[in-house]
């Protein structure tokens, strides 16, 4: 995963889900302060990084060692 802000169209294409579904997820993540959109870019907030790390730790603990990039 690239670090730093990304264009939402580029992210939608990488997600391999429909653009409409992607936009619903994007709105939800904005409401939860996990990300923010600024000048057409999507920026992961500190809370988003913390939440992602907690999720990866939980998966590694309960599912097993899978390949997750931090």
N, C-alpha and C. Protein backbone atom coordinates (compact mmCIF):
# COMPACT_ATOMS: atom_id res chain seq x y z
N UNK A 1 0.85 -1.18 0.00
CA UNK A 1 0.00 0.00 0.00
C UNK A 1 0.89 1.24 0.00
N UNK A 2 0.53 2.19 -0.81
CA UNK A 2 1.28 3.44 -0.86
C UNK A 2 1.02 4.26 0.40
N UNK A 3 2.04 4.95 0.85
CA UNK A 3 1.88 5.84 1.99
C UNK A 3 1.52 7.22 1.50
N UNK A 4 0.79 7.96 2.32
CA UNK A 4 0.41 9.31 1.96
C UNK A 4 -0.97 9.33 1.31
N UNK A 5 -1.44 10.53 0.97
CA UNK A 5 -2.79 10.68 0.41
C UNK A 5 -2.90 10.06 -0.98
N UNK A 6 -4.10 9.61 -1.32
CA UNK A 6 -4.38 9.03 -2.62
C UNK A 6 -5.65 9.63 -3.19
N UNK A 7 -5.74 9.62 -4.49
CA UNK A 7 -6.93 10.04 -5.21
C UNK A 7 -8.01 8.97 -5.00
N UNK A 8 -9.26 9.38 -4.72
CA UNK A 8 -10.30 8.39 -4.41
C UNK A 8 -10.65 7.52 -5.61
N UNK A 9 -10.52 8.03 -6.84
CA UNK A 9 -10.80 7.21 -8.02
C UNK A 9 -9.76 6.10 -8.14
N UNK A 10 -8.51 6.42 -7.89
CA UNK A 10 -7.44 5.42 -7.91
C UNK A 10 -7.70 4.35 -6.82
N UNK A 11 -8.10 4.79 -5.64
CA UNK A 11 -8.39 3.85 -4.55
C UNK A 11 -9.59 2.96 -4.90
N UNK A 12 -10.62 3.54 -5.50
CA UNK A 12 -11.80 2.77 -5.87
C UNK A 12 -11.43 1.68 -6.87
N UNK A 13 -10.60 2.01 -7.85
CA UNK A 13 -10.17 1.02 -8.83
C UNK A 13 -9.36 -0.09 -8.19
N UNK A 14 -8.54 0.25 -7.22
CA UNK A 14 -7.72 -0.74 -6.53
C UNK A 14 -8.54 -1.64 -5.61
N UNK A 15 -9.69 -1.15 -5.17
CA UNK A 15 -10.50 -1.91 -4.22
C UNK A 15 -11.23 -3.08 -4.86
N UNK A 16 -11.39 -3.04 -6.18
CA UNK A 16 -12.06 -4.10 -6.94
C UNK A 16 -13.51 -4.31 -6.49
N UNK A 17 -14.16 -3.23 -6.03
CA UNK A 17 -15.59 -3.25 -5.77
C UNK A 17 -16.21 -2.13 -6.60
N UNK A 18 -17.53 -2.13 -6.69
CA UNK A 18 -18.17 -1.09 -7.49
C UNK A 18 -17.87 0.29 -6.90
N UNK A 19 -17.87 1.29 -7.77
CA UNK A 19 -17.59 2.65 -7.32
C UNK A 19 -18.64 3.11 -6.32
N UNK A 20 -19.91 2.77 -6.54
CA UNK A 20 -20.97 3.17 -5.60
C UNK A 20 -20.75 2.56 -4.22
N UNK A 21 -20.40 1.28 -4.17
CA UNK A 21 -20.14 0.61 -2.89
C UNK A 21 -18.91 1.23 -2.23
N UNK A 22 -17.89 1.50 -3.02
CA UNK A 22 -16.68 2.14 -2.49
C UNK A 22 -17.02 3.48 -1.85
N UNK A 23 -17.86 4.27 -2.52
CA UNK A 23 -18.22 5.59 -2.00
C UNK A 23 -19.01 5.46 -0.69
N UNK A 24 -19.82 4.42 -0.55
CA UNK A 24 -20.53 4.18 0.72
C UNK A 24 -19.53 3.89 1.83
N UNK A 25 -18.54 3.03 1.56
CA UNK A 25 -17.51 2.73 2.55
C UNK A 25 -16.70 3.97 2.89
N UNK A 26 -16.37 4.75 1.87
CA UNK A 26 -15.60 5.97 2.08
C UNK A 26 -16.35 6.94 3.00
N UNK A 27 -17.65 7.11 2.75
CA UNK A 27 -18.46 8.00 3.59
C UNK A 27 -18.49 7.49 5.03
N UNK A 28 -18.64 6.17 5.20
CA UNK A 28 -18.69 5.58 6.54
C UNK A 28 -17.37 5.82 7.28
N UNK A 29 -16.25 5.61 6.57
CA UNK A 29 -14.94 5.82 7.20
C UNK A 29 -14.72 7.29 7.55
N UNK A 30 -15.24 8.21 6.72
CA UNK A 30 -15.15 9.64 7.05
C UNK A 30 -15.96 9.96 8.31
N UNK A 31 -17.15 9.39 8.42
CA UNK A 31 -18.00 9.62 9.60
C UNK A 31 -17.33 9.11 10.88
N UNK A 32 -16.56 8.04 10.76
CA UNK A 32 -15.88 7.45 11.92
C UNK A 32 -14.52 8.08 12.19
N UNK A 33 -14.17 9.12 11.40
CA UNK A 33 -12.88 9.81 11.52
C UNK A 33 -11.67 8.90 11.31
N UNK A 34 -11.85 7.88 10.46
CA UNK A 34 -10.74 7.01 10.11
C UNK A 34 -9.95 7.60 8.95
N UNK A 35 -10.64 8.34 8.09
CA UNK A 35 -10.03 9.01 6.95
C UNK A 35 -10.66 10.39 6.81
N UNK A 36 -10.05 11.21 5.96
CA UNK A 36 -10.70 12.47 5.57
C UNK A 36 -10.39 12.72 4.11
N UNK A 37 -11.28 13.43 3.46
CA UNK A 37 -11.07 13.83 2.07
C UNK A 37 -10.72 15.31 2.08
N UNK A 38 -9.67 15.64 1.39
CA UNK A 38 -9.22 17.03 1.34
C UNK A 38 -8.68 17.32 -0.06
N UNK A 39 -9.29 18.26 -0.75
CA UNK A 39 -8.86 18.65 -2.10
C UNK A 39 -8.79 17.46 -3.04
N UNK A 40 -9.77 16.56 -2.94
CA UNK A 40 -9.83 15.40 -3.83
C UNK A 40 -8.94 14.24 -3.42
N UNK A 41 -8.24 14.38 -2.30
CA UNK A 41 -7.37 13.31 -1.83
C UNK A 41 -7.96 12.65 -0.58
N UNK A 42 -7.66 11.37 -0.41
CA UNK A 42 -8.09 10.63 0.77
C UNK A 42 -6.88 10.48 1.68
N UNK A 43 -7.02 10.90 2.92
CA UNK A 43 -5.93 10.88 3.90
C UNK A 43 -6.34 10.01 5.07
N UNK A 44 -5.48 9.06 5.43
CA UNK A 44 -5.75 8.20 6.58
C UNK A 44 -5.39 8.98 7.84
N UNK A 45 -6.35 9.06 8.75
CA UNK A 45 -6.16 9.78 10.00
C UNK A 45 -5.47 8.88 11.03
N UNK A 46 -4.99 9.47 12.09
CA UNK A 46 -4.33 8.71 13.16
C UNK A 46 -5.25 7.60 13.69
N UNK A 47 -6.53 7.90 13.85
CA UNK A 47 -7.49 6.89 14.33
C UNK A 47 -7.61 5.74 13.33
N UNK A 48 -7.52 6.04 12.04
CA UNK A 48 -7.58 5.01 11.01
C UNK A 48 -6.37 4.08 11.08
N UNK A 49 -5.21 4.65 11.30
CA UNK A 49 -3.98 3.85 11.44
C UNK A 49 -4.07 2.97 12.68
N UNK A 50 -4.52 3.56 13.78
CA UNK A 50 -4.65 2.81 15.04
C UNK A 50 -5.64 1.66 14.87
N UNK A 51 -6.77 1.93 14.24
CA UNK A 51 -7.80 0.92 14.03
C UNK A 51 -7.29 -0.20 13.12
N UNK A 52 -6.60 0.16 12.06
CA UNK A 52 -6.03 -0.84 11.15
C UNK A 52 -5.05 -1.75 11.91
N UNK A 53 -4.17 -1.15 12.69
CA UNK A 53 -3.20 -1.95 13.45
C UNK A 53 -3.87 -2.87 14.45
N UNK A 54 -4.92 -2.39 15.11
CA UNK A 54 -5.67 -3.25 16.04
C UNK A 54 -6.31 -4.42 15.31
N UNK A 55 -6.88 -4.17 14.13
CA UNK A 55 -7.51 -5.23 13.34
C UNK A 55 -6.48 -6.27 12.90
N UNK A 56 -5.33 -5.83 12.41
CA UNK A 56 -4.28 -6.76 12.00
C UNK A 56 -3.81 -7.58 13.19
N UNK A 57 -3.60 -6.96 14.33
CA UNK A 57 -3.17 -7.68 15.54
C UNK A 57 -4.20 -8.74 15.92
N UNK A 58 -5.48 -8.40 15.86
CA UNK A 58 -6.53 -9.35 16.20
C UNK A 58 -6.53 -10.53 15.24
N UNK A 59 -6.41 -10.25 13.95
CA UNK A 59 -6.40 -11.32 12.94
C UNK A 59 -5.20 -12.23 13.17
N UNK A 60 -4.03 -11.65 13.39
CA UNK A 60 -2.84 -12.46 13.62
C UNK A 60 -2.99 -13.33 14.87
N UNK A 61 -3.60 -12.80 15.89
CA UNK A 61 -3.78 -13.55 17.14
C UNK A 61 -4.82 -14.65 16.99
N UNK A 62 -5.94 -14.37 16.34
CA UNK A 62 -7.06 -15.30 16.33
C UNK A 62 -7.19 -16.13 15.05
N UNK A 63 -6.63 -15.69 13.96
CA UNK A 63 -6.77 -16.41 12.69
C UNK A 63 -5.45 -17.10 12.33
N UNK A 64 -4.37 -16.51 12.68
CA UNK A 64 -3.08 -17.07 12.33
C UNK A 64 -2.24 -16.06 11.61
N UNK A 65 -1.02 -16.46 11.34
CA UNK A 65 -0.08 -15.52 10.71
C UNK A 65 -0.34 -15.47 9.21
N UNK A 66 -0.98 -14.42 8.80
CA UNK A 66 -1.22 -14.16 7.39
C UNK A 66 -0.31 -13.02 6.96
N UNK A 67 -0.22 -12.79 5.70
CA UNK A 67 0.65 -11.71 5.23
C UNK A 67 -0.11 -10.40 5.21
N UNK A 68 0.20 -9.53 6.16
CA UNK A 68 -0.37 -8.19 6.22
C UNK A 68 0.77 -7.20 6.24
N UNK A 69 0.64 -6.20 5.38
CA UNK A 69 1.65 -5.15 5.34
C UNK A 69 1.21 -4.02 6.25
N UNK A 70 2.10 -3.53 7.06
CA UNK A 70 1.81 -2.41 7.94
C UNK A 70 2.32 -1.14 7.32
